[in-house]
Amino acid sequence: METNNEVRRTPMEYLQTVWRRRVIVLVCTLTSLGLMIAVDTVRPSKYASTAKVSFGTRTLTVTAMGTNLIRLGSTPVRTAAKGILGVGLPSCSIKQEGTTAIVDITCNANDPSLAARAANAWADGYNQVMRSQSVWNALSAAQYIRGLLDAQNATVSSLTSAAASVEKNSVLGRLYSKQLSEAYATLEGLRSQLSSVELASINPRNAISILQLAAPNRQPLSPKPTSDAILAFIAGLALGVGIAVVRETMDDKLRTRTELEALSHGRPAIGLIPSIREWEDRKTPLLISAEQPKSPPAEAFRSLRTSLQFMSLDDPIKTLLITSPAAADGKTTVTSNLAYTIASAGQEVIIVGCDLRKPRIHEFFGVSNDVGFTSVMLGEVDLDDAIIEVPGSAYLKILPAGPIPPNPAELLSGRRAQLIMEQIKERCDIVIIDSPPMLPVSDAQVLAAKADAVILVAAAGISTKRDVARSMELMMQVDAALIGVVLNRAPSSDGYSYYRYGYGYGYGEGYGYGYGYGGSGAYGGSATPVPDNLPMPEPTSTKP
């Protein structure tokens, strides 16, 4: 039989997941925050200063501007800046402002003054390198022009000699005179160029103009404790939530009513028993419906009783089996408290202990387990002699499990067990059977097939989804009359948000598939009998 175990989660369920895993979320958040605070405490402060420079007012092409930026960040400029600064150069960056010729030179240092001096030194270093380059270019040009001047002077001398050897007014004389004039003009041009080049080599111009000198900025660039703390908090919270969701996804434990109903093949959750944290470690069985009738768990059992009454209006339930997927799910607690609650309403109830491997139901009522169901099965005592009236209740009786037999499953499946059950049904309004868990042994399947109604009890945070699903399959195999499920240890989000309790008792360990598992098969410890002076309500109806 295929089962659909997928549960579509709502946003509220994700919030519940985070709340259940809040320790993980809190640890991740605080760890991230603490680490960031520690790092910010030991990390030296960084300060940034920016100098603004311009490559001129004229519009530069993308290629020209790119070339200038490469020069500005070159190794020679860095070396020159370091020489101007006199100490090691801190980290610096160069950034063009949009598409303009303006460039920001930003330096970061542990000292605000050093950051400002470094940015200014970088700008000065660029100008120094470019001036040196300009001087070298000018000197090279001057040397070249001097060579041209020497050659031109020789040309002038040659033309002067040639013009003197001919008639001035002759055709040849006039030609020499024209060439001589042109030679003198070229000579003057070269002299003018030489003068300009020599002047440039003596007084080179800056390649960039400094629009704004860098000034010390006393506001640290890093660390920024407030913003760092916010980022660390968000990162830690996100990590914690992520881990919580992943662990919840991988966790097979049953948590909520929604998950239980999704596994129950359409059966409703007819009872939600809240958690009672103060008593989780209590070993003595607790009949809370009797000892604390006004407590939230007692009210939950009354609500469960009401649900059963409505479900049995048209088809009265005579035998009700209560079981669970595994040990420690709290089905015996539900059995005893539900039986007491039904009896308190004036119905005659007989609890039958059919957990023949680890019987415990008798401990909740402070009665002996020396004689019980197995004793009647073996013919050692009469049924009426084995049934015990619960002290303090006029309508509640119990037939304990009795001595543990070597073959529980065979006894429960036999004809005699069925006959005894029929006799018990004649003596009360409803028989509530305390059954073993479904999974460790086959006893519960045998009993479920014969009961008028079956309730499966699962414990939030203890039962696994796999066990619940398997229990459902086993009951389907024997066509059990499963009428609903009960969630024990129900979280506050499932209906008890204003109570802060912690409740639920189960079997413990020790179940097996044969006789002898779990030692003696009985729980030790003293019993808590129901007080004799508990007030009992007047019966609302009487049997004919």
Protein backbone atom coordinates (compact mmCIF):
# COMPACT_ATOMS: atom_id res chain seq x y z
CA MET A 1 0.00 0.00 0.00
CA GLU A 2 1.43 3.33 -0.99
CA THR A 3 1.31 6.20 1.41
CA ASN A 4 1.89 9.85 0.82
CA ASN A 5 4.14 11.12 3.56
CA GLU A 6 4.83 14.48 1.97
CA VAL A 7 3.58 17.40 4.03
CA ARG A 8 3.21 20.81 2.46
CA ARG A 9 4.60 23.31 4.93
CA THR A 10 2.97 26.65 5.60
CA PRO A 11 4.86 29.82 6.56
CA MET A 12 3.61 29.38 10.10
CA GLU A 13 5.09 25.88 10.22
CA TYR A 14 8.43 27.24 9.07
CA LEU A 15 8.26 29.74 11.93
CA GLN A 16 7.48 26.86 14.27
CA THR A 17 10.49 25.01 12.90
CA VAL A 18 12.70 27.99 13.67
CA TRP A 19 11.22 28.19 17.15
CA ARG A 20 11.81 24.49 17.81
CA ARG A 21 15.39 24.85 16.60
CA ARG A 22 15.86 28.22 18.27
CA VAL A 23 18.97 27.05 20.11
CA ILE A 24 20.74 26.44 16.79
CA VAL A 25 19.56 29.79 15.42
CA LEU A 26 20.59 31.58 18.60
CA VAL A 27 24.02 29.93 18.72
CA CYS A 28 24.75 30.75 15.07
CA THR A 29 23.58 34.33 15.47
CA LEU A 30 25.51 34.99 18.68
CA THR A 31 28.62 33.24 17.36
CA SER A 32 28.61 35.31 14.18
CA LEU A 33 28.01 38.48 16.15
CA GLY A 34 30.68 37.63 18.70
CA LEU A 35 33.28 36.79 16.06
CA MET A 36 32.63 40.04 14.24
CA ILE A 37 32.92 42.06 17.46
CA ALA A 38 36.16 40.26 18.32
CA VAL A 39 37.58 40.88 14.85
CA ASP A 40 36.58 44.55 14.95
CA THR A 41 38.19 44.87 18.38
CA VAL A 42 41.62 43.61 17.29
CA ARG A 43 41.54 44.88 13.70
CA PRO A 44 43.41 48.18 13.24
CA SER A 45 41.40 51.11 11.96
CA LYS A 46 41.71 52.05 8.31
CA TYR A 47 41.41 55.64 7.08
CA ALA A 48 40.90 56.81 3.50
CA SER A 49 41.83 60.11 1.84
CA THR A 50 41.29 61.17 -1.77
CA ALA A 51 43.11 63.62 -4.04
CA LYS A 52 41.36 64.86 -7.20
CA VAL A 53 43.48 65.49 -10.32
CA SER A 54 42.68 66.50 -13.88
CA PHE A 55 44.38 65.71 -17.17
CA GLY A 56 43.27 69.01 -18.66
CA THR A 57 40.15 70.82 -19.75
CA ARG A 58 40.02 69.53 -23.29
CA THR A 59 38.04 66.42 -24.10
CA LEU A 60 40.17 63.30 -24.33
CA THR A 61 39.39 60.25 -26.39
CA VAL A 62 38.72 56.96 -24.63
CA THR A 63 42.07 55.67 -25.86
CA ALA A 64 43.98 58.72 -24.66
CA MET A 65 42.28 58.63 -21.27
CA GLY A 66 42.96 54.94 -20.93
CA THR A 67 46.63 55.55 -21.70
CA ASN A 68 46.80 58.27 -19.05
CA LEU A 69 45.21 56.00 -16.44
CA ILE A 70 47.71 53.26 -17.23
CA ARG A 71 50.57 55.74 -16.82
CA LEU A 72 49.09 57.02 -13.56
CA GLY A 73 49.09 53.51 -12.10
CA SER A 74 52.47 52.46 -13.48
CA THR A 75 55.42 51.22 -11.44
CA PRO A 76 57.59 54.32 -12.09
CA VAL A 77 54.84 56.54 -10.66
CA ARG A 78 54.49 54.24 -7.64
CA THR A 79 58.26 54.35 -7.09
CA ALA A 80 58.33 58.13 -7.37
CA ALA A 81 55.43 58.47 -4.92
CA LYS A 82 57.20 56.22 -2.45
CA GLY A 83 60.32 58.37 -2.73
CA ILE A 84 58.32 61.54 -2.14
CA LEU A 85 56.47 60.00 0.83
CA GLY A 86 59.66 58.70 2.42
CA VAL A 87 58.00 55.58 3.84
CA GLY A 88 56.29 52.50 2.47
CA LEU A 89 53.37 53.34 0.21
CA PRO A 90 49.97 52.14 1.57
CA SER A 91 47.21 50.67 -0.55
CA CYS A 92 45.98 53.12 -3.19
CA SER A 93 43.41 53.03 -5.95
CA ILE A 94 42.67 55.12 -9.07
CA LYS A 95 39.16 55.82 -10.32
CA GLN A 96 37.96 57.99 -13.19
CA GLU A 97 34.91 60.13 -12.47
CA GLY A 98 32.47 59.07 -15.15
CA THR A 99 33.70 60.04 -18.62
CA THR A 100 35.50 63.20 -17.48
CA ALA A 101 39.23 63.89 -17.36
CA ILE A 102 39.07 63.99 -13.56
CA VAL A 103 40.57 61.12 -11.59
CA ASP A 104 40.33 60.27 -7.87
CA ILE A 105 43.46 58.95 -6.18
CA THR A 106 42.41 57.24 -2.91
CA CYS A 107 44.83 55.80 -0.38
CA ASN A 108 44.03 53.71 2.71
CA ALA A 109 46.27 53.64 5.76
CA ASN A 110 46.17 53.02 9.50
CA ASP A 111 46.98 56.71 10.02
CA PRO A 112 44.69 59.36 8.49
CA SER A 113 47.63 61.71 7.94
CA LEU A 114 49.61 59.02 6.14
CA ALA A 115 46.63 58.27 3.87
CA ALA A 116 46.37 61.94 2.88
CA ARG A 117 50.10 62.33 2.30
CA ALA A 118 50.20 59.14 0.23
CA ALA A 119 47.40 60.33 -2.08
CA ASN A 120 49.11 63.68 -2.59
CA ALA A 121 52.48 61.98 -3.08
CA TRP A 122 50.96 59.80 -5.80
CA ALA A 123 49.78 62.86 -7.72
CA ASP A 124 53.15 64.55 -7.26
CA GLY A 125 54.92 61.36 -8.25
CA TYR A 126 53.01 61.26 -11.53
CA ASN A 127 53.94 64.85 -12.30
CA GLN A 128 57.55 64.11 -11.37
CA VAL A 129 57.73 61.13 -13.70
CA MET A 130 56.04 63.01 -16.52
CA ARG A 131 58.30 66.05 -16.06
CA SER A 132 61.35 63.84 -16.20
CA GLN A 133 60.00 62.25 -19.34
CA SER A 134 59.33 65.71 -20.79
CA VAL A 135 62.87 66.91 -20.03
CA TRP A 136 64.38 63.83 -21.60
CA ASN A 137 62.22 64.30 -24.69
CA ALA A 138 63.16 67.98 -24.88
CA LEU A 139 66.89 67.28 -24.58
CA SER A 140 66.66 64.63 -27.28
CA ALA A 141 64.80 67.06 -29.52
CA ALA A 142 67.37 69.82 -28.86
CA GLN A 143 70.19 67.53 -29.85
CA TYR A 144 68.42 66.63 -33.04
CA ILE A 145 67.66 70.29 -33.87
CA ARG A 146 71.31 71.24 -33.30
CA GLY A 147 72.29 68.69 -35.90
CA LEU A 148 69.83 70.25 -38.32
CA LEU A 149 71.24 73.70 -37.52
CA ASP A 150 74.77 72.59 -38.29
CA ALA A 151 73.66 71.17 -41.60
CA GLN A 152 71.69 74.32 -42.42
CA ASN A 153 74.64 76.58 -41.57
CA ALA A 154 76.77 74.58 -43.99
CA THR A 155 74.11 75.05 -46.65
CA VAL A 156 74.04 78.83 -46.05
CA SER A 157 77.82 79.04 -46.34
CA SER A 158 77.83 77.10 -49.57
CA LEU A 159 75.11 79.26 -51.11
CA THR A 160 76.89 82.47 -50.01
CA SER A 161 80.12 81.38 -51.76
CA ALA A 162 78.26 80.40 -54.88
CA ALA A 163 76.37 83.72 -55.05
CA ALA A 164 79.61 85.72 -54.71
CA SER A 165 81.13 84.03 -57.78
CA VAL A 166 78.46 85.21 -60.25
CA GLU A 167 76.87 88.45 -61.33
CA LYS A 168 74.29 89.58 -58.88
CA ASN A 169 71.78 90.51 -61.59
CA SER A 170 72.33 87.47 -63.68
CA VAL A 171 69.85 84.71 -63.82
CA LEU A 172 72.10 82.44 -61.77
CA GLY A 173 72.79 85.24 -59.31
CA ARG A 174 69.09 85.84 -58.75
CA LEU A 175 68.57 82.07 -58.23
CA TYR A 176 71.33 81.87 -55.62
CA SER A 177 69.90 84.93 -53.89
CA LYS A 178 66.44 83.30 -53.59
CA GLN A 179 67.86 80.01 -52.29
CA LEU A 180 69.98 81.90 -49.80
CA SER A 181 66.93 83.75 -48.45
CA GLU A 182 65.07 80.47 -47.99
CA ALA A 183 68.06 78.90 -46.23
CA TYR A 184 68.26 81.83 -43.81
CA ALA A 185 64.51 81.47 -43.06
CA THR A 186 64.92 77.75 -42.33
CA LEU A 187 67.88 78.53 -40.13
CA GLU A 188 65.88 81.01 -38.07
CA GLY A 189 63.04 78.51 -37.68
CA LEU A 190 65.43 75.87 -36.35
CA ARG A 191 66.94 78.37 -33.94
CA SER A 192 63.44 79.25 -32.69
CA GLN A 193 62.57 75.57 -32.21
CA LEU A 194 65.83 74.98 -30.36
CA SER A 195 65.08 77.86 -28.06
CA SER A 196 61.59 76.48 -27.26
CA VAL A 197 62.91 72.99 -26.65
CA GLU A 198 65.70 74.21 -24.39
CA LEU A 199 63.17 76.27 -22.44
CA ALA A 200 60.95 73.21 -22.04
CA SER A 201 63.86 71.16 -20.75
CA ILE A 202 64.64 73.83 -18.17
CA ASN A 203 61.04 74.42 -16.99
CA PRO A 204 58.83 71.39 -17.79
CA ARG A 205 55.08 71.68 -17.15
CA ASN A 206 53.02 69.37 -14.91
CA ALA A 207 51.14 66.63 -16.74
CA ILE A 208 48.14 66.88 -14.41
CA SER A 209 46.63 69.66 -12.38
CA ILE A 210 45.65 68.95 -8.78
CA LEU A 211 42.07 70.05 -8.27
CA GLN A 212 41.85 69.01 -4.62
CA LEU A 213 44.61 67.99 -2.26
CA ALA A 214 43.87 65.03 -0.01
CA ALA A 215 43.16 65.97 3.61
CA PRO A 216 43.27 63.67 6.66
CA ASN A 217 39.87 62.05 7.29
CA ARG A 218 39.42 61.19 10.96
CA GLN A 219 36.36 59.01 10.27
CA PRO A 220 37.64 55.43 9.91
CA LEU A 221 36.82 53.53 6.76
CA SER A 222 36.90 50.30 8.74
CA PRO A 223 35.99 48.79 11.06
CA LYS A 224 32.44 50.10 11.36
CA PRO A 225 31.10 48.35 14.47
CA THR A 226 27.43 49.17 13.92
CA SER A 227 27.17 48.13 10.28
CA ASP A 228 29.50 45.16 10.86
CA ALA A 229 27.32 43.99 13.77
CA ILE A 230 24.16 44.28 11.67
CA LEU A 231 25.71 42.29 8.82
CA ALA A 232 27.05 39.67 11.23
CA PHE A 233 23.64 39.39 12.89
CA ILE A 234 21.89 38.92 9.54
CA ALA A 235 24.49 36.42 8.34
CA GLY A 236 24.36 34.42 11.58
CA LEU A 237 20.57 34.46 11.60
CA ALA A 238 20.40 33.31 7.99
CA LEU A 239 22.91 30.54 8.68
CA GLY A 240 21.03 29.43 11.79
CA VAL A 241 17.67 29.40 10.01
CA GLY A 242 19.20 27.49 7.10
CA ILE A 243 20.67 24.86 9.41
CA ALA A 244 17.38 24.64 11.33
CA VAL A 245 15.35 24.07 8.16
CA VAL A 246 17.83 21.49 6.85
CA ARG A 247 17.87 19.60 10.14
CA GLU A 248 14.09 19.73 10.33
CA THR A 249 13.87 18.34 6.81
CA MET A 250 16.25 15.52 7.65
CA ASP A 251 14.58 14.87 11.02
CA ASP A 252 12.01 12.06 10.80
CA LYS A 253 10.48 12.90 14.18
CA LEU A 254 6.79 13.73 14.24
CA ARG A 255 6.26 17.29 15.39
CA THR A 256 2.78 18.64 14.71
CA ARG A 257 -0.86 17.67 14.33
CA THR A 258 -0.67 18.56 10.64
CA GLU A 259 2.09 16.01 10.10
CA LEU A 260 0.20 13.35 12.06
CA GLU A 261 -3.03 13.87 10.13
CA ALA A 262 -1.11 13.75 6.84
CA LEU A 263 0.05 10.25 7.79
CA SER A 264 -3.28 8.96 9.13
CA HIS A 265 -5.07 8.28 5.84
CA GLY A 266 -7.74 10.90 6.45
CA ARG A 267 -8.36 10.10 10.11
CA PRO A 268 -8.69 13.24 12.23
CA ALA A 269 -6.62 14.19 15.23
CA ILE A 270 -9.33 13.77 17.87
CA GLY A 271 -7.09 14.61 20.80
CA LEU A 272 -4.16 16.91 21.56
CA ILE A 273 -2.53 16.23 24.90
CA PRO A 274 -0.27 19.15 25.87
CA SER A 275 3.23 18.81 27.16
CA ILE A 276 4.01 19.20 30.89
CA ARG A 277 7.72 19.86 31.16
CA GLU A 278 7.86 19.84 34.96
CA TRP A 279 7.05 16.11 35.06
CA GLU A 280 8.90 14.68 32.09
CA ASP A 281 11.46 13.02 34.35
CA ARG A 282 8.88 11.72 36.83
CA LYS A 283 9.00 7.91 36.96
CA THR A 284 5.82 7.45 38.96
CA PRO A 285 2.76 7.09 36.70
CA LEU A 286 0.50 10.12 36.90
CA LEU A 287 -3.28 10.01 36.64
CA ILE A 288 -3.51 13.72 36.04
CA SER A 289 -7.26 13.69 35.33
CA ALA A 290 -7.77 12.67 38.96
CA GLU A 291 -4.95 14.51 40.70
CA GLN A 292 -5.26 17.80 38.81
CA PRO A 293 -8.74 17.88 37.24
CA LYS A 294 -8.47 21.58 36.33
CA SER A 295 -5.13 21.31 34.56
CA PRO A 296 -4.80 21.73 30.78
CA PRO A 297 -4.01 18.02 30.20
CA ALA A 298 -7.12 17.01 32.18
CA GLU A 299 -9.18 19.37 30.03
CA ALA A 300 -7.58 17.80 26.93
CA PHE A 301 -8.72 14.35 28.04
CA ARG A 302 -12.25 15.68 28.59
CA SER A 303 -12.14 17.09 25.07
CA LEU A 304 -11.04 13.68 23.78
CA ARG A 305 -13.95 12.07 25.66
CA THR A 306 -16.37 14.51 24.00
CA SER A 307 -15.00 13.66 20.57
CA LEU A 308 -15.53 9.96 21.23
CA GLN A 309 -19.10 10.57 22.41
CA PHE A 310 -19.97 12.39 19.19
CA MET A 311 -18.33 9.70 17.07
CA SER A 312 -20.33 6.95 18.78
CA LEU A 313 -23.79 8.55 18.67
CA ASP A 314 -25.07 6.38 15.81
CA ASP A 315 -22.83 3.37 16.39
CA PRO A 316 -21.93 2.97 20.08
CA ILE A 317 -18.38 1.87 20.77
CA LYS A 318 -18.18 -1.07 23.16
CA THR A 319 -14.49 -1.94 22.85
CA LEU A 320 -11.90 0.79 22.35
CA LEU A 321 -8.29 -0.17 21.71
CA ILE A 322 -5.59 2.39 22.39
CA THR A 323 -2.17 1.72 20.92
CA SER A 324 0.89 3.59 19.64
CA PRO A 325 3.63 3.04 17.06
CA ALA A 326 6.38 2.35 19.59
CA ALA A 327 7.35 2.48 23.22
CA ALA A 328 7.47 5.81 25.10
CA ASP A 329 4.69 7.37 23.02
CA GLY A 330 2.37 7.65 26.06
CA LYS A 331 -0.49 5.36 25.07
CA THR A 332 -0.88 3.89 28.60
CA THR A 333 -1.11 7.40 30.01
CA VAL A 334 -3.83 8.20 27.48
CA THR A 335 -5.63 4.94 28.26
CA SER A 336 -5.74 5.48 32.03
CA ASN A 337 -6.66 9.17 31.93
CA LEU A 338 -9.27 8.75 29.19
CA ALA A 339 -10.88 5.87 31.07
CA TYR A 340 -11.02 7.90 34.28
CA THR A 341 -12.50 10.87 32.41
CA ILE A 342 -15.22 8.73 30.78
CA ALA A 343 -16.04 7.14 34.13
CA SER A 344 -16.25 10.59 35.71
CA ALA A 345 -19.10 11.33 33.30
CA GLY A 346 -21.13 8.44 34.71
CA GLN A 347 -20.34 5.66 32.24
CA GLU A 348 -19.20 2.30 33.51
CA VAL A 349 -15.72 1.60 32.20
CA ILE A 350 -13.51 -1.45 32.48
CA ILE A 351 -9.85 -1.12 31.52
CA VAL A 352 -8.35 -4.36 30.26
CA GLY A 353 -4.60 -4.69 30.38
CA CYS A 354 -3.65 -6.54 27.21
CA ASP A 355 -0.04 -5.42 27.23
CA LEU A 356 1.18 -8.88 28.19
CA ARG A 357 4.86 -8.10 27.72
CA LYS A 358 5.43 -4.93 29.72
CA PRO A 359 2.22 -4.30 31.64
CA ARG A 360 1.95 -0.95 33.35
CA ILE A 361 -1.69 0.11 33.42
CA HIS A 362 -2.14 -1.19 37.00
CA GLU A 363 0.51 1.26 38.26
CA PHE A 364 -1.69 4.25 37.36
CA PHE A 365 -4.41 3.04 39.76
CA GLY A 366 -2.27 1.59 42.51
CA VAL A 367 -3.55 -1.98 42.15
CA SER A 368 -1.74 -5.30 42.03
CA ASN A 369 -0.84 -7.12 38.84
CA ASP A 370 -0.57 -10.52 40.49
CA VAL A 371 -3.98 -11.55 39.13
CA GLY A 372 -5.39 -10.34 35.85
CA PHE A 373 -6.32 -11.10 32.26
CA THR A 374 -3.85 -13.97 31.85
CA SER A 375 -5.09 -15.50 35.11
CA VAL A 376 -8.64 -15.58 33.71
CA MET A 377 -7.35 -16.97 30.41
CA LEU A 378 -5.67 -19.84 32.24
CA GLY A 379 -8.79 -20.50 34.36
CA GLU A 380 -7.00 -19.73 37.60
CA VAL A 381 -9.65 -17.20 38.75
CA ASP A 382 -13.13 -16.15 37.72
CA LEU A 383 -13.53 -13.03 35.66
CA ASP A 384 -15.49 -11.18 38.33
CA ASP A 385 -12.85 -11.98 40.92
CA ALA A 386 -10.06 -10.65 38.69
CA ILE A 387 -11.78 -7.33 37.88
CA ILE A 388 -10.79 -4.71 40.46
CA GLU A 389 -12.78 -1.64 41.37
CA VAL A 390 -10.61 1.47 41.19
CA PRO A 391 -10.51 3.20 44.58
CA GLY A 392 -12.38 6.49 44.56
CA SER A 393 -14.44 5.79 41.44
CA ALA A 394 -17.83 4.15 41.36
CA TYR A 395 -17.78 3.63 37.59
CA LEU A 396 -14.20 2.62 36.83
CA LYS A 397 -12.84 -0.91 37.07
CA ILE A 398 -9.66 -2.50 35.83
CA LEU A 399 -8.62 -5.97 34.75
CA PRO A 400 -4.82 -5.88 34.96
CA ALA A 401 -2.69 -7.84 32.52
CA GLY A 402 -1.68 -10.39 35.14
CA PRO A 403 1.42 -12.57 35.08
CA ILE A 404 3.44 -12.38 31.88
CA PRO A 405 2.91 -15.42 29.66
CA PRO A 406 5.50 -16.95 27.29
CA ASN A 407 3.20 -16.65 24.26
CA PRO A 408 1.25 -13.34 24.36
CA ALA A 409 0.33 -13.24 20.67
CA GLU A 410 -1.05 -16.79 20.69
CA LEU A 411 -3.12 -16.12 23.81
CA LEU A 412 -4.62 -12.90 22.43
CA SER A 413 -5.51 -14.46 19.08
CA GLY A 414 -7.23 -17.48 20.62
CA ARG A 415 -10.94 -18.15 20.92
CA ARG A 416 -10.89 -17.95 24.71
CA ALA A 417 -9.58 -14.36 24.66
CA GLN A 418 -12.50 -13.35 22.43
CA LEU A 419 -15.01 -15.03 24.76
CA ILE A 420 -13.57 -13.25 27.78
CA MET A 421 -13.80 -9.92 25.96
CA GLU A 422 -17.46 -10.59 25.20
CA GLN A 423 -18.11 -11.30 28.88
CA ILE A 424 -16.33 -8.11 29.90
CA LYS A 425 -18.44 -6.06 27.45
CA GLU A 426 -21.59 -7.30 29.22
CA ARG A 427 -20.38 -5.86 32.52
CA CYS A 428 -19.89 -2.20 31.46
CA ASP A 429 -20.74 0.53 29.00
CA ILE A 430 -17.32 0.54 27.33
CA VAL A 431 -14.17 -1.57 27.47
CA ILE A 432 -10.90 0.30 26.99
CA ILE A 433 -8.02 -1.98 26.05
CA ASP A 434 -4.44 -1.05 26.90
CA SER A 435 -2.54 -2.53 23.99
CA PRO A 436 1.15 -3.07 23.29
CA PRO A 437 2.73 -0.82 20.64
CA MET A 438 2.11 -1.71 17.01
CA LEU A 439 5.64 -2.12 15.73
CA PRO A 440 7.71 -4.19 18.15
CA VAL A 441 5.23 -7.08 18.36
CA SER A 442 2.19 -8.42 16.53
CA ASP A 443 -0.09 -8.41 19.63
CA ALA A 444 -1.59 -5.03 18.77
CA GLN A 445 -2.59 -6.19 15.29
CA VAL A 446 -4.45 -9.14 16.75
CA LEU A 447 -6.34 -6.90 19.18
CA ALA A 448 -6.99 -4.13 16.63
CA ALA A 449 -8.72 -6.54 14.27
CA LYS A 450 -11.33 -7.38 16.94
CA ALA A 451 -11.93 -3.99 18.58
CA ASP A 452 -14.92 -1.79 17.70
CA ALA A 453 -12.68 1.25 17.49
CA VAL A 454 -8.94 1.95 17.58
CA ILE A 455 -7.06 5.10 18.55
CA LEU A 456 -3.41 5.53 17.64
CA VAL A 457 -1.36 7.67 20.06
CA ALA A 458 1.80 9.33 18.76
CA ALA A 459 4.14 11.59 20.72
CA ALA A 460 5.46 14.82 19.24
CA GLY A 461 9.24 14.80 19.20
CA ILE A 462 9.40 11.06 20.01
CA SER A 463 7.39 9.15 17.43
CA THR A 464 8.87 9.02 13.94
CA LYS A 465 6.91 9.58 10.76
CA ARG A 466 8.19 6.26 9.46
CA ASP A 467 6.82 4.43 12.52
CA VAL A 468 3.44 6.16 12.28
CA ALA A 469 3.16 5.34 8.58
CA ARG A 470 4.11 1.72 9.21
CA SER A 471 1.59 1.46 12.06
CA MET A 472 -1.12 2.72 9.73
CA GLU A 473 -0.20 0.08 7.16
CA LEU A 474 -0.33 -2.69 9.75
CA MET A 475 -3.80 -1.62 10.89
CA MET A 476 -4.98 -1.42 7.29
CA GLN A 477 -3.79 -4.99 6.75
CA VAL A 478 -6.15 -6.30 9.45
CA ASP A 479 -8.94 -3.84 8.53
CA ALA A 480 -8.80 -2.22 11.97
CA ALA A 481 -11.51 0.34 12.79
CA LEU A 482 -9.16 3.28 13.27
CA ILE A 483 -11.36 6.23 14.20
CA GLY A 484 -8.70 8.84 14.90
CA VAL A 485 -5.28 9.72 16.18
CA VAL A 486 -4.11 11.46 19.34
CA LEU A 487 -1.01 13.65 19.51
CA ASN A 488 0.69 13.38 22.87
CA ARG A 489 3.20 16.04 23.97
CA ALA A 490 1.44 18.38 21.56
CA PRO A 491 3.40 21.59 20.97
CA SER A 492 1.86 24.89 22.04
CA SER A 493 1.20 25.82 18.40
CA ASP A 494 -1.27 22.94 18.16
CA GLY A 495 -3.78 24.37 20.57
CA TYR A 496 -2.19 25.06 23.94
CA SER A 497 -0.23 28.24 23.33
CA TYR A 498 -1.05 29.65 26.77
CA TYR A 499 0.13 26.64 28.73
CA ARG A 500 3.72 25.89 29.56
CA TYR A 501 3.62 22.28 30.69
CA GLY A 502 5.56 19.13 29.85
CA TYR A 503 3.80 15.78 29.74
CA GLY A 504 3.92 12.24 28.40
CA TYR A 505 4.86 8.84 29.62
CA GLY A 506 5.61 5.82 27.53
CA TYR A 507 6.95 2.34 27.94
CA GLY A 508 10.66 2.79 27.88
CA GLU A 509 12.74 0.12 26.23
CA GLY A 510 12.45 -3.64 26.35
CA TYR A 511 9.98 -4.78 23.72
CA GLY A 512 10.76 -7.72 21.53
CA TYR A 513 9.17 -10.38 19.35
CA GLY A 514 9.20 -13.11 21.93
CA TYR A 515 9.13 -13.89 25.60
CA GLY A 516 11.93 -12.68 27.81
CA TYR A 517 12.67 -9.33 26.17
CA GLY A 518 13.08 -6.59 28.68
CA GLY A 519 13.82 -8.60 31.82
CA SER A 520 10.87 -9.24 34.06
CA GLY A 521 8.54 -7.34 31.77
CA ALA A 522 7.14 -5.10 34.50
CA TYR A 523 7.98 -1.62 35.61
CA GLY A 524 9.40 -1.08 39.04
CA GLY A 525 8.70 1.85 41.35
CA SER A 526 5.91 2.64 43.71
CA ALA A 527 2.38 3.25 42.53
CA THR A 528 0.26 6.34 43.07
CA PRO A 529 -3.25 5.21 44.06
CA VAL A 530 -6.21 7.43 43.38
CA PRO A 531 -7.19 9.21 46.61
CA ASP A 532 -10.32 7.79 48.20
CA ASN A 533 -11.82 11.20 48.85
CA LEU A 534 -11.85 12.43 45.24
CA PRO A 535 -15.28 13.90 44.50
CA MET A 536 -17.24 12.00 41.90
CA PRO A 537 -19.99 13.65 39.81
CA GLU A 538 -23.51 12.34 39.96
CA PRO A 539 -24.22 9.93 37.10
CA THR A 540 -25.94 11.46 34.14
CA SER A 541 -27.49 8.16 33.16
CA THR A 542 -28.01 4.72 34.59
CA LYS A 543 -28.01 1.34 32.99
CA PRO A 544 -31.37 -0.44 32.78
